[in-house]
Amino acid sequence: MTLRIVRTNPKGRTALIYIDDQCVGTLPIRVLPSFCAPENSCQISSDQAAQIMELLSSHARKLLLDYLAKAEHSRWQSRQLLLRRRFDEAIIDQQINYAIQHSFIDDARYSEIYIRSWINRGIGKRLLISKLYEQRIDPAIWKPILEEMYKEEDGSHKLEEQMQGYIARQKDLPTQKLKEKVFGYFIGKGYELDEVMASFARISNE
C-alpha cells in the first residue's frame, strides 16, 4: 500500500491522508506515527494502514463529539462536518452511528428545537416547512412534531402582533401602499395569503 501525506496548507498543523491515492481523512501532524513523514510517499504494511485508519477514526470521533457538545445538530449536519474533513465514508458511517446509538444525535430532538426557534421568531408555517426540508431530515420525523407544536391559532396571534408593530413603523403611507408593503412582507415570511388578508382586515377594523 502507498501512503501519502499532504499538509492542508504550507504552515498547517493538519494533513490530508491518502492510501493508494484515496483520501481517507485528515489528521493533526503531531499524532502521525513515526513511519509517516509529511509531504512524502512511502510503502506501508496492512498493519500500518490499520493503525492509520484507527487514528483517523479516533480523530473523526473527537471532532464530531466536540461539534455536538457545542450545540444540537442533525444527522445531516454532522455528516457534512466529517465530509468537509475528507474522511472515508466507512469512518463517517461508523462515527455517525456511534453518536446516534449514544443519543448524541437525535433528529427528533433537533427538529423540536429547530421548530420552536423558528416559531418564536414568528415565521409562517409555509416558510418553516421549507426550512425543515432544507435540513435534510426525514419528513416522517419532523411532520408530527410540527403538527403538534404549530397551532394555527397561535400562528394567527403572532402574525397579528407582528403586523401591528410593522404597521406602526410605517410613516403616513397611503392605505393601498401600506397594504402592498404589509402583504409583501408577511407573505415573504411564510404566511399564507388568506392569513395575511384576515389579519390585516381585523387590524384595519380595530
N, C-alpha and C. Protein backbone atom coordinates (compact mmCIF):
# COMPACT_ATOMS: atom_id res chain seq x y z
N MET A 1 0.84 -1.20 0.00
CA MET A 1 0.00 0.00 0.00
C MET A 1 0.88 1.25 0.00
N THR A 2 0.39 2.28 -0.68
CA THR A 2 1.13 3.54 -0.73
C THR A 2 0.47 4.58 0.16
N LEU A 3 1.24 5.15 1.04
CA LEU A 3 0.77 6.21 1.94
C LEU A 3 1.33 7.54 1.46
N ARG A 4 0.46 8.54 1.37
CA ARG A 4 0.90 9.89 1.01
C ARG A 4 0.26 10.88 1.97
N ILE A 5 1.04 11.81 2.46
CA ILE A 5 0.57 12.79 3.45
C ILE A 5 0.80 14.19 2.89
N VAL A 6 -0.26 14.99 2.85
CA VAL A 6 -0.18 16.32 2.26
C VAL A 6 -0.72 17.34 3.26
N ARG A 7 0.11 18.30 3.65
CA ARG A 7 -0.37 19.34 4.56
C ARG A 7 -1.54 20.09 3.92
N THR A 8 -2.52 20.45 4.77
CA THR A 8 -3.67 21.20 4.25
C THR A 8 -3.28 22.60 3.79
N ASN A 9 -2.21 23.16 4.37
CA ASN A 9 -1.59 24.37 3.86
C ASN A 9 -0.13 24.35 4.31
N PRO A 10 0.74 25.16 3.70
CA PRO A 10 2.18 25.04 3.95
C PRO A 10 2.58 25.11 5.42
N LYS A 11 1.89 25.91 6.22
CA LYS A 11 2.23 26.03 7.63
C LYS A 11 1.19 25.37 8.53
N GLY A 12 0.33 24.58 7.92
CA GLY A 12 -0.77 23.98 8.67
C GLY A 12 -0.34 22.89 9.63
N ARG A 13 -1.19 22.64 10.60
CA ARG A 13 -0.92 21.61 11.60
C ARG A 13 -1.68 20.32 11.32
N THR A 14 -2.41 20.30 10.22
CA THR A 14 -3.14 19.10 9.84
C THR A 14 -2.73 18.69 8.43
N ALA A 15 -2.99 17.43 8.12
CA ALA A 15 -2.61 16.91 6.80
C ALA A 15 -3.69 15.98 6.27
N LEU A 16 -3.82 15.97 4.96
CA LEU A 16 -4.69 15.01 4.29
C LEU A 16 -3.93 13.70 4.15
N ILE A 17 -4.63 12.61 4.42
CA ILE A 17 -4.01 11.28 4.37
C ILE A 17 -4.57 10.53 3.17
N TYR A 18 -3.67 10.05 2.33
CA TYR A 18 -4.04 9.26 1.16
C TYR A 18 -3.45 7.86 1.30
N ILE A 19 -4.30 6.87 1.07
CA ILE A 19 -3.82 5.49 0.99
C ILE A 19 -4.20 4.96 -0.39
N ASP A 20 -3.19 4.57 -1.14
CA ASP A 20 -3.39 4.14 -2.53
C ASP A 20 -4.18 5.18 -3.32
N ASP A 21 -3.78 6.44 -3.15
CA ASP A 21 -4.35 7.58 -3.88
C ASP A 21 -5.80 7.89 -3.52
N GLN A 22 -6.31 7.28 -2.47
CA GLN A 22 -7.66 7.61 -2.00
C GLN A 22 -7.56 8.39 -0.70
N CYS A 23 -8.16 9.60 -0.68
CA CYS A 23 -8.14 10.40 0.53
C CYS A 23 -9.05 9.75 1.57
N VAL A 24 -8.49 9.51 2.76
CA VAL A 24 -9.27 8.83 3.82
C VAL A 24 -9.52 9.73 5.02
N GLY A 25 -9.07 11.00 4.95
CA GLY A 25 -9.36 11.92 6.03
C GLY A 25 -8.20 12.83 6.37
N THR A 26 -8.38 13.59 7.44
CA THR A 26 -7.33 14.50 7.91
C THR A 26 -6.90 14.10 9.31
N LEU A 27 -5.65 14.41 9.61
CA LEU A 27 -5.08 14.14 10.93
C LEU A 27 -4.20 15.30 11.35
N PRO A 28 -4.16 15.60 12.65
CA PRO A 28 -3.14 16.54 13.13
C PRO A 28 -1.76 15.93 12.90
N ILE A 29 -0.83 16.72 12.44
CA ILE A 29 0.51 16.20 12.15
C ILE A 29 1.17 15.64 13.40
N ARG A 30 0.85 16.22 14.56
CA ARG A 30 1.50 15.78 15.80
C ARG A 30 1.16 14.34 16.18
N VAL A 31 0.07 13.79 15.66
CA VAL A 31 -0.31 12.43 16.05
C VAL A 31 0.17 11.37 15.05
N LEU A 32 0.80 11.82 13.97
CA LEU A 32 1.23 10.85 12.96
C LEU A 32 2.29 9.91 13.51
N PRO A 33 2.20 8.62 13.21
CA PRO A 33 3.24 7.68 13.64
C PRO A 33 4.59 8.02 13.02
N SER A 34 5.63 7.46 13.57
CA SER A 34 7.00 7.78 13.13
C SER A 34 7.26 7.37 11.69
N PHE A 35 6.52 6.37 11.19
CA PHE A 35 6.75 5.96 9.80
C PHE A 35 6.08 6.89 8.80
N CYS A 36 5.35 7.91 9.30
CA CYS A 36 4.65 8.85 8.42
C CYS A 36 5.41 10.16 8.36
N ALA A 37 5.87 10.54 7.21
CA ALA A 37 6.56 11.81 7.03
C ALA A 37 5.74 12.70 6.11
N PRO A 38 5.33 13.89 6.60
CA PRO A 38 4.55 14.79 5.75
C PRO A 38 5.25 15.10 4.44
N GLU A 39 4.43 15.26 3.40
CA GLU A 39 4.89 15.61 2.06
C GLU A 39 5.71 14.50 1.40
N ASN A 40 5.60 13.28 1.92
CA ASN A 40 6.31 12.16 1.32
C ASN A 40 5.35 11.03 1.00
N SER A 41 5.75 10.16 0.11
CA SER A 41 5.03 8.92 -0.17
C SER A 41 5.90 7.76 0.26
N CYS A 42 5.26 6.73 0.80
CA CYS A 42 6.03 5.55 1.20
C CYS A 42 5.13 4.32 1.15
N GLN A 43 5.74 3.19 1.13
CA GLN A 43 5.01 1.94 1.15
C GLN A 43 4.78 1.54 2.61
N ILE A 44 3.56 1.10 2.90
CA ILE A 44 3.24 0.68 4.26
C ILE A 44 2.60 -0.70 4.24
N SER A 45 2.67 -1.35 5.37
CA SER A 45 2.07 -2.68 5.51
C SER A 45 0.58 -2.54 5.83
N SER A 46 -0.13 -3.66 5.77
CA SER A 46 -1.56 -3.64 6.11
C SER A 46 -1.75 -3.27 7.58
N ASP A 47 -0.83 -3.69 8.45
CA ASP A 47 -0.92 -3.34 9.88
C ASP A 47 -0.73 -1.84 10.07
N GLN A 48 0.20 -1.25 9.34
CA GLN A 48 0.42 0.19 9.44
C GLN A 48 -0.79 0.96 8.89
N ALA A 49 -1.38 0.45 7.81
CA ALA A 49 -2.58 1.08 7.27
C ALA A 49 -3.72 1.02 8.28
N ALA A 50 -3.84 -0.11 8.98
CA ALA A 50 -4.87 -0.25 10.01
C ALA A 50 -4.63 0.73 11.14
N GLN A 51 -3.38 0.96 11.48
CA GLN A 51 -3.04 1.92 12.52
C GLN A 51 -3.45 3.34 12.11
N ILE A 52 -3.19 3.67 10.85
CA ILE A 52 -3.59 4.99 10.34
C ILE A 52 -5.12 5.13 10.38
N MET A 53 -5.83 4.11 9.95
CA MET A 53 -7.30 4.17 9.93
C MET A 53 -7.86 4.31 11.34
N GLU A 54 -7.21 3.68 12.31
CA GLU A 54 -7.66 3.80 13.70
C GLU A 54 -7.46 5.23 14.21
N LEU A 55 -6.34 5.83 13.85
CA LEU A 55 -6.10 7.23 14.23
C LEU A 55 -7.14 8.15 13.59
N LEU A 56 -7.44 7.88 12.33
CA LEU A 56 -8.46 8.68 11.64
C LEU A 56 -9.82 8.54 12.29
N SER A 57 -10.17 7.32 12.66
CA SER A 57 -11.45 7.06 13.30
C SER A 57 -11.54 7.80 14.64
N SER A 58 -10.47 7.76 15.42
CA SER A 58 -10.45 8.44 16.71
C SER A 58 -10.54 9.95 16.55
N HIS A 59 -9.85 10.46 15.55
CA HIS A 59 -9.88 11.91 15.31
C HIS A 59 -11.26 12.35 14.83
N ALA A 60 -11.87 11.56 13.96
CA ALA A 60 -13.22 11.88 13.48
C ALA A 60 -14.21 11.90 14.64
N ARG A 61 -14.08 10.94 15.55
CA ARG A 61 -14.99 10.90 16.70
C ARG A 61 -14.80 12.14 17.58
N LYS A 62 -13.56 12.52 17.81
CA LYS A 62 -13.30 13.70 18.64
C LYS A 62 -13.89 14.95 18.01
N LEU A 63 -13.66 15.11 16.70
CA LEU A 63 -14.22 16.28 16.01
C LEU A 63 -15.74 16.30 16.11
N LEU A 64 -16.36 15.15 15.90
CA LEU A 64 -17.81 15.07 15.92
C LEU A 64 -18.37 15.35 17.31
N LEU A 65 -17.78 14.76 18.34
CA LEU A 65 -18.30 14.95 19.70
C LEU A 65 -18.08 16.39 20.18
N ASP A 66 -16.97 16.99 19.79
CA ASP A 66 -16.75 18.40 20.11
C ASP A 66 -17.82 19.27 19.46
N TYR A 67 -18.13 18.95 18.21
CA TYR A 67 -19.16 19.68 17.45
C TYR A 67 -20.52 19.55 18.12
N LEU A 68 -20.86 18.35 18.53
CA LEU A 68 -22.17 18.10 19.14
C LEU A 68 -22.25 18.64 20.56
N ALA A 69 -21.12 18.80 21.21
CA ALA A 69 -21.13 19.34 22.57
C ALA A 69 -21.45 20.83 22.58
N LYS A 70 -21.19 21.51 21.48
CA LYS A 70 -21.39 22.96 21.43
C LYS A 70 -22.84 23.34 21.17
N ALA A 71 -23.56 22.49 20.44
CA ALA A 71 -24.95 22.78 20.10
C ALA A 71 -25.59 21.52 19.54
N GLU A 72 -26.91 21.52 19.50
CA GLU A 72 -27.63 20.40 18.90
C GLU A 72 -27.46 20.45 17.38
N HIS A 73 -27.16 19.29 16.79
CA HIS A 73 -27.01 19.22 15.34
C HIS A 73 -27.68 17.96 14.82
N SER A 74 -28.11 18.04 13.57
CA SER A 74 -28.79 16.91 12.94
C SER A 74 -27.79 15.90 12.39
N ARG A 75 -28.33 14.77 12.00
CA ARG A 75 -27.51 13.74 11.37
C ARG A 75 -26.85 14.28 10.10
N TRP A 76 -27.61 14.99 9.27
CA TRP A 76 -27.09 15.53 8.03
C TRP A 76 -25.99 16.55 8.30
N GLN A 77 -26.19 17.46 9.24
CA GLN A 77 -25.17 18.45 9.57
C GLN A 77 -23.89 17.78 10.06
N SER A 78 -24.05 16.74 10.87
CA SER A 78 -22.89 16.03 11.41
C SER A 78 -22.11 15.34 10.30
N ARG A 79 -22.84 14.76 9.37
CA ARG A 79 -22.17 14.11 8.23
C ARG A 79 -21.42 15.14 7.39
N GLN A 80 -22.02 16.31 7.19
CA GLN A 80 -21.36 17.35 6.41
C GLN A 80 -20.06 17.79 7.08
N LEU A 81 -20.06 17.87 8.39
CA LEU A 81 -18.84 18.22 9.12
C LEU A 81 -17.70 17.27 8.76
N LEU A 82 -17.98 15.98 8.82
CA LEU A 82 -16.93 14.99 8.56
C LEU A 82 -16.57 14.91 7.08
N LEU A 83 -17.54 15.14 6.22
CA LEU A 83 -17.24 15.17 4.78
C LEU A 83 -16.28 16.32 4.44
N ARG A 84 -16.48 17.46 5.11
CA ARG A 84 -15.58 18.60 4.86
C ARG A 84 -14.15 18.28 5.25
N ARG A 85 -13.99 17.36 6.19
CA ARG A 85 -12.63 16.94 6.59
C ARG A 85 -12.13 15.76 5.77
N ARG A 86 -12.89 15.39 4.75
CA ARG A 86 -12.48 14.39 3.75
C ARG A 86 -12.33 12.99 4.34
N PHE A 87 -13.08 12.67 5.38
CA PHE A 87 -12.99 11.33 5.96
C PHE A 87 -13.62 10.30 5.03
N ASP A 88 -13.09 9.11 5.09
CA ASP A 88 -13.62 7.98 4.34
C ASP A 88 -15.06 7.71 4.75
N GLU A 89 -15.89 7.31 3.79
CA GLU A 89 -17.32 7.07 4.07
C GLU A 89 -17.53 6.05 5.19
N ALA A 90 -16.69 5.02 5.22
CA ALA A 90 -16.84 4.00 6.26
C ALA A 90 -16.60 4.59 7.65
N ILE A 91 -15.62 5.49 7.76
CA ILE A 91 -15.34 6.16 9.04
C ILE A 91 -16.51 7.07 9.41
N ILE A 92 -17.03 7.80 8.43
CA ILE A 92 -18.16 8.68 8.70
C ILE A 92 -19.36 7.89 9.20
N ASP A 93 -19.71 6.82 8.49
CA ASP A 93 -20.85 5.99 8.90
C ASP A 93 -20.65 5.45 10.32
N GLN A 94 -19.44 5.00 10.60
CA GLN A 94 -19.15 4.44 11.92
C GLN A 94 -19.37 5.47 13.02
N GLN A 95 -18.87 6.68 12.81
CA GLN A 95 -18.97 7.71 13.85
C GLN A 95 -20.38 8.28 13.98
N ILE A 96 -21.08 8.43 12.87
CA ILE A 96 -22.48 8.88 12.93
C ILE A 96 -23.33 7.86 13.68
N ASN A 97 -23.14 6.59 13.37
CA ASN A 97 -23.89 5.54 14.06
C ASN A 97 -23.57 5.51 15.55
N TYR A 98 -22.31 5.71 15.89
CA TYR A 98 -21.91 5.76 17.30
C TYR A 98 -22.65 6.90 18.01
N ALA A 99 -22.68 8.06 17.39
CA ALA A 99 -23.33 9.22 18.00
C ALA A 99 -24.84 9.01 18.15
N ILE A 100 -25.45 8.36 17.17
CA ILE A 100 -26.89 8.08 17.25
C ILE A 100 -27.17 7.07 18.36
N GLN A 101 -26.37 6.01 18.42
CA GLN A 101 -26.57 4.97 19.44
C GLN A 101 -26.44 5.53 20.85
N HIS A 102 -25.62 6.54 21.03
CA HIS A 102 -25.42 7.13 22.36
C HIS A 102 -26.25 8.40 22.56
N SER A 103 -27.19 8.63 21.64
CA SER A 103 -28.13 9.76 21.74
C SER A 103 -27.45 11.13 21.67
N PHE A 104 -26.25 11.18 21.09
CA PHE A 104 -25.62 12.47 20.86
C PHE A 104 -26.25 13.14 19.64
N ILE A 105 -26.74 12.33 18.71
CA ILE A 105 -27.50 12.82 17.56
C ILE A 105 -28.91 12.25 17.67
N ASP A 106 -29.89 13.12 17.58
CA ASP A 106 -31.29 12.71 17.63
C ASP A 106 -32.07 13.69 16.75
N ASP A 107 -32.45 13.26 15.56
CA ASP A 107 -33.12 14.17 14.63
C ASP A 107 -34.48 14.63 15.12
N ALA A 108 -35.15 13.83 15.93
CA ALA A 108 -36.44 14.26 16.50
C ALA A 108 -36.20 15.40 17.50
N ARG A 109 -35.20 15.22 18.33
CA ARG A 109 -34.88 16.26 19.32
C ARG A 109 -34.42 17.55 18.62
N TYR A 110 -33.59 17.38 17.59
CA TYR A 110 -33.14 18.54 16.83
C TYR A 110 -34.32 19.24 16.16
N SER A 111 -35.23 18.47 15.58
CA SER A 111 -36.39 19.05 14.90
C SER A 111 -37.24 19.87 15.86
N GLU A 112 -37.44 19.36 17.06
CA GLU A 112 -38.24 20.09 18.05
C GLU A 112 -37.59 21.43 18.39
N ILE A 113 -36.28 21.41 18.63
CA ILE A 113 -35.57 22.65 18.95
C ILE A 113 -35.62 23.61 17.77
N TYR A 114 -35.42 23.08 16.57
CA TYR A 114 -35.41 23.90 15.36
C TYR A 114 -36.77 24.54 15.11
N ILE A 115 -37.81 23.74 15.22
CA ILE A 115 -39.17 24.25 15.00
C ILE A 115 -39.52 25.32 16.04
N ARG A 116 -39.20 25.05 17.28
CA ARG A 116 -39.53 26.02 18.35
C ARG A 116 -38.81 27.34 18.11
N SER A 117 -37.55 27.27 17.69
CA SER A 117 -36.79 28.51 17.50
C SER A 117 -37.41 29.37 16.40
N TRP A 118 -37.89 28.72 15.33
CA TRP A 118 -38.48 29.50 14.24
C TRP A 118 -39.89 29.97 14.57
N ILE A 119 -40.63 29.18 15.32
CA ILE A 119 -41.95 29.65 15.77
C ILE A 119 -41.79 30.90 16.63
N ASN A 120 -40.79 30.88 17.51
CA ASN A 120 -40.56 32.03 18.38
C ASN A 120 -40.13 33.27 17.61
N ARG A 121 -39.55 33.05 16.42
CA ARG A 121 -39.17 34.19 15.58
C ARG A 121 -40.33 34.71 14.75
N GLY A 122 -41.44 33.99 14.78
CA GLY A 122 -42.65 34.47 14.13
C GLY A 122 -42.70 34.29 12.64
N ILE A 123 -42.25 33.13 12.12
CA ILE A 123 -42.38 32.90 10.69
C ILE A 123 -43.61 32.03 10.42
N GLY A 124 -44.10 32.10 9.20
CA GLY A 124 -45.27 31.33 8.82
C GLY A 124 -44.95 29.86 8.62
N LYS A 125 -46.01 29.06 8.63
CA LYS A 125 -45.84 27.62 8.52
C LYS A 125 -45.24 27.21 7.18
N ARG A 126 -45.62 27.88 6.11
CA ARG A 126 -45.11 27.53 4.78
C ARG A 126 -43.59 27.68 4.73
N LEU A 127 -43.08 28.79 5.24
CA LEU A 127 -41.64 29.02 5.23
C LEU A 127 -40.93 28.05 6.18
N LEU A 128 -41.56 27.76 7.30
CA LEU A 128 -40.97 26.82 8.26
C LEU A 128 -40.84 25.43 7.63
N ILE A 129 -41.84 25.00 6.91
CA ILE A 129 -41.77 23.70 6.23
C ILE A 129 -40.63 23.69 5.22
N SER A 130 -40.48 24.79 4.48
CA SER A 130 -39.40 24.89 3.51
C SER A 130 -38.03 24.77 4.20
N LYS A 131 -37.90 25.43 5.33
CA LYS A 131 -36.64 25.38 6.08
C LYS A 131 -36.37 23.97 6.62
N LEU A 132 -37.41 23.28 7.02
CA LEU A 132 -37.24 21.91 7.52
C LEU A 132 -36.76 20.98 6.41
N TYR A 133 -37.30 21.15 5.21
CA TYR A 133 -36.81 20.34 4.09
C TYR A 133 -35.33 20.62 3.81
N GLU A 134 -34.92 21.87 3.99
CA GLU A 134 -33.51 22.22 3.78
C GLU A 134 -32.59 21.50 4.76
N GLN A 135 -33.11 21.11 5.90
CA GLN A 135 -32.29 20.44 6.92
C GLN A 135 -32.05 18.96 6.60
N ARG A 136 -32.68 18.46 5.54
CA ARG A 136 -32.46 17.08 5.07
C ARG A 136 -32.84 16.04 6.12
N ILE A 137 -33.82 16.36 6.94
CA ILE A 137 -34.31 15.40 7.93
C ILE A 137 -35.52 14.69 7.33
N ASP A 138 -35.65 13.42 7.62
CA ASP A 138 -36.78 12.64 7.13
C ASP A 138 -38.09 13.32 7.56
N PRO A 139 -38.97 13.69 6.60
CA PRO A 139 -40.24 14.33 6.97
C PRO A 139 -41.08 13.49 7.94
N ALA A 140 -40.91 12.18 7.91
CA ALA A 140 -41.65 11.33 8.86
C ALA A 140 -41.27 11.64 10.30
N ILE A 141 -40.10 12.23 10.49
CA ILE A 141 -39.67 12.60 11.84
C ILE A 141 -40.25 13.95 12.24
N TRP A 142 -40.12 14.96 11.35
CA TRP A 142 -40.49 16.31 11.78
C TRP A 142 -41.95 16.68 11.56
N LYS A 143 -42.64 16.02 10.65
CA LYS A 143 -44.04 16.41 10.40
C LYS A 143 -44.94 16.25 11.62
N PRO A 144 -44.88 15.12 12.35
CA PRO A 144 -45.73 15.02 13.55
C PRO A 144 -45.36 16.05 14.61
N ILE A 145 -44.08 16.37 14.72
CA ILE A 145 -43.63 17.37 15.70
C ILE A 145 -44.16 18.74 15.31
N LEU A 146 -44.10 19.06 14.02
CA LEU A 146 -44.60 20.35 13.54
C LEU A 146 -46.10 20.48 13.80
N GLU A 147 -46.84 19.43 13.50
CA GLU A 147 -48.29 19.47 13.70
C GLU A 147 -48.66 19.67 15.16
N GLU A 148 -47.85 19.08 16.03
CA GLU A 148 -48.12 19.23 17.47
C GLU A 148 -47.74 20.61 17.98
N MET A 149 -46.65 21.17 17.45
CA MET A 149 -46.13 22.42 18.00
C MET A 149 -46.71 23.67 17.34
N TYR A 150 -47.03 23.57 16.06
CA TYR A 150 -47.50 24.76 15.35
C TYR A 150 -49.02 24.79 15.36
N LYS A 151 -49.57 25.53 16.26
CA LYS A 151 -51.03 25.68 16.36
C LYS A 151 -51.45 26.86 15.50
N GLU A 152 -52.44 26.65 14.64
CA GLU A 152 -52.85 27.70 13.72
C GLU A 152 -53.29 28.96 14.45
N GLU A 153 -53.99 28.79 15.60
CA GLU A 153 -54.46 29.97 16.32
C GLU A 153 -53.29 30.76 16.91
N ASP A 154 -52.25 30.04 17.34
CA ASP A 154 -51.06 30.72 17.85
C ASP A 154 -50.35 31.46 16.72
N GLY A 155 -50.30 30.81 15.54
CA GLY A 155 -49.68 31.46 14.40
C GLY A 155 -50.41 32.73 14.01
N SER A 156 -51.73 32.70 14.04
CA SER A 156 -52.52 33.89 13.71
C SER A 156 -52.29 35.00 14.72
N HIS A 157 -52.22 34.62 15.99
CA HIS A 157 -51.99 35.62 17.04
C HIS A 157 -50.62 36.27 16.86
N LYS A 158 -49.59 35.46 16.60
CA LYS A 158 -48.25 36.01 16.39
C LYS A 158 -48.22 36.89 15.14
N LEU A 159 -48.93 36.47 14.11
CA LEU A 159 -48.98 37.26 12.88
C LEU A 159 -49.57 38.63 13.17
N GLU A 160 -50.67 38.68 13.90
CA GLU A 160 -51.31 39.97 14.19
C GLU A 160 -50.42 40.86 15.05
N GLU A 161 -49.74 40.25 16.02
CA GLU A 161 -48.83 41.03 16.85
C GLU A 161 -47.73 41.67 16.01
N GLN A 162 -47.13 40.84 15.14
CA GLN A 162 -46.07 41.36 14.27
C GLN A 162 -46.60 42.41 13.31
N MET A 163 -47.78 42.16 12.77
CA MET A 163 -48.34 43.08 11.79
C MET A 163 -48.64 44.44 12.42
N GLN A 164 -49.16 44.44 13.63
CA GLN A 164 -49.44 45.70 14.31
C GLN A 164 -48.16 46.51 14.49
N GLY A 165 -47.07 45.82 14.90
CA GLY A 165 -45.80 46.50 15.07
C GLY A 165 -45.25 47.01 13.76
N TYR A 166 -45.39 46.19 12.71
CA TYR A 166 -44.89 46.58 11.39
C TYR A 166 -45.63 47.81 10.87
N ILE A 167 -46.95 47.80 11.01
CA ILE A 167 -47.76 48.93 10.53
C ILE A 167 -47.42 50.20 11.30
N ALA A 168 -47.18 50.04 12.60
CA ALA A 168 -46.86 51.21 13.43
C ALA A 168 -45.54 51.86 13.00
N ARG A 169 -44.66 51.09 12.41
CA ARG A 169 -43.36 51.64 11.99
C ARG A 169 -43.42 52.34 10.63
N GLN A 170 -44.51 52.16 9.90
CA GLN A 170 -44.64 52.81 8.59
C GLN A 170 -45.10 54.25 8.79
N LYS A 171 -44.54 55.16 8.06
CA LYS A 171 -44.79 56.58 8.26
C LYS A 171 -45.80 57.13 7.24
N ASP A 172 -47.04 57.31 7.68
CA ASP A 172 -48.07 58.01 6.89
C ASP A 172 -48.17 57.53 5.44
N LEU A 173 -48.17 56.22 5.26
CA LEU A 173 -48.32 55.69 3.91
C LEU A 173 -49.79 55.69 3.50
N PRO A 174 -50.05 55.91 2.24
CA PRO A 174 -51.44 55.74 1.76
C PRO A 174 -51.88 54.30 2.00
N THR A 175 -53.18 54.12 2.17
CA THR A 175 -53.72 52.81 2.53
C THR A 175 -53.30 51.71 1.56
N GLN A 176 -53.39 51.97 0.28
CA GLN A 176 -53.06 50.95 -0.71
C GLN A 176 -51.58 50.60 -0.66
N LYS A 177 -50.72 51.61 -0.52
CA LYS A 177 -49.27 51.36 -0.44
C LYS A 177 -48.93 50.60 0.83
N LEU A 178 -49.58 50.94 1.93
CA LEU A 178 -49.36 50.23 3.19
C LEU A 178 -49.77 48.77 3.04
N LYS A 179 -50.91 48.54 2.42
CA LYS A 179 -51.41 47.17 2.23
C LYS A 179 -50.41 46.36 1.40
N GLU A 180 -49.89 46.96 0.33
CA GLU A 180 -48.93 46.25 -0.52
C GLU A 180 -47.68 45.87 0.26
N LYS A 181 -47.18 46.80 1.08
CA LYS A 181 -45.98 46.54 1.86
C LYS A 181 -46.23 45.44 2.90
N VAL A 182 -47.36 45.54 3.58
CA VAL A 182 -47.70 44.55 4.61
C VAL A 182 -47.84 43.16 3.99
N PHE A 183 -48.56 43.08 2.90
CA PHE A 183 -48.79 41.77 2.25
C PHE A 183 -47.46 41.19 1.76
N GLY A 184 -46.64 42.01 1.11
CA GLY A 184 -45.37 41.53 0.60
C GLY A 184 -44.45 41.04 1.71
N TYR A 185 -44.42 41.79 2.81
CA TYR A 185 -43.53 41.45 3.92
C TYR A 185 -43.93 40.13 4.57
N PHE A 186 -45.20 39.96 4.88
CA PHE A 186 -45.61 38.78 5.64
C PHE A 186 -45.78 37.52 4.77
N ILE A 187 -46.09 37.70 3.51
CA ILE A 187 -46.06 36.54 2.62
C ILE A 187 -44.62 36.07 2.47
N GLY A 188 -43.68 37.03 2.44
CA GLY A 188 -42.27 36.69 2.40
C GLY A 188 -41.80 35.95 3.64
N LYS A 189 -42.49 36.16 4.75
CA LYS A 189 -42.14 35.46 6.00
C LYS A 189 -42.81 34.09 6.09
N GLY A 190 -43.53 33.71 5.04
CA GLY A 190 -44.06 32.36 5.00
C GLY A 190 -45.50 32.21 5.41
N TYR A 191 -46.20 33.32 5.61
CA TYR A 191 -47.63 33.23 5.93
C TYR A 191 -48.43 33.12 4.65
N GLU A 192 -49.55 32.42 4.73
CA GLU A 192 -50.42 32.27 3.55
C GLU A 192 -51.18 33.56 3.30
N LEU A 193 -51.56 33.77 2.03
CA LEU A 193 -52.25 34.99 1.64
C LEU A 193 -53.53 35.19 2.44
N ASP A 194 -54.30 34.11 2.62
CA ASP A 194 -55.57 34.28 3.35
C ASP A 194 -55.35 34.64 4.81
N GLU A 195 -54.24 34.14 5.42
CA GLU A 195 -53.91 34.52 6.79
C GLU A 195 -53.59 36.01 6.87
N VAL A 196 -52.79 36.48 5.90
CA VAL A 196 -52.39 37.88 5.91
C VAL A 196 -53.61 38.78 5.68
N MET A 197 -54.46 38.39 4.75
CA MET A 197 -55.66 39.18 4.47
C MET A 197 -56.55 39.28 5.69
N ALA A 198 -56.76 38.15 6.38
CA ALA A 198 -57.64 38.14 7.54
C ALA A 198 -57.08 39.00 8.66
N SER A 199 -55.78 38.87 8.93
CA SER A 199 -55.17 39.66 10.00
C SER A 199 -55.20 41.15 9.67
N PHE A 200 -54.91 41.48 8.42
CA PHE A 200 -54.92 42.90 8.01
C PHE A 200 -56.32 43.48 8.15
N ALA A 201 -57.34 42.70 7.79
CA ALA A 201 -58.72 43.17 7.89
C ALA A 201 -59.10 43.40 9.35
N ARG A 202 -58.70 42.48 10.24
CA ARG A 202 -59.05 42.64 11.66
C ARG A 202 -58.38 43.87 12.24
N ILE A 203 -57.09 44.07 11.89
CA ILE A 203 -56.37 45.24 12.42
C ILE A 203 -56.97 46.52 11.86
N SER A 204 -57.35 46.52 10.59
CA SER A 204 -57.89 47.73 9.97
C SER A 204 -59.24 48.10 10.57
N ASN A 205 -59.97 47.12 11.10
CA ASN A 205 -61.30 47.36 11.66
C ASN A 205 -61.27 47.72 13.14
N GLU A 206 -60.07 47.64 13.74
CA GLU A 206 -59.99 47.95 15.18
C GLU A 206 -60.15 49.46 15.42
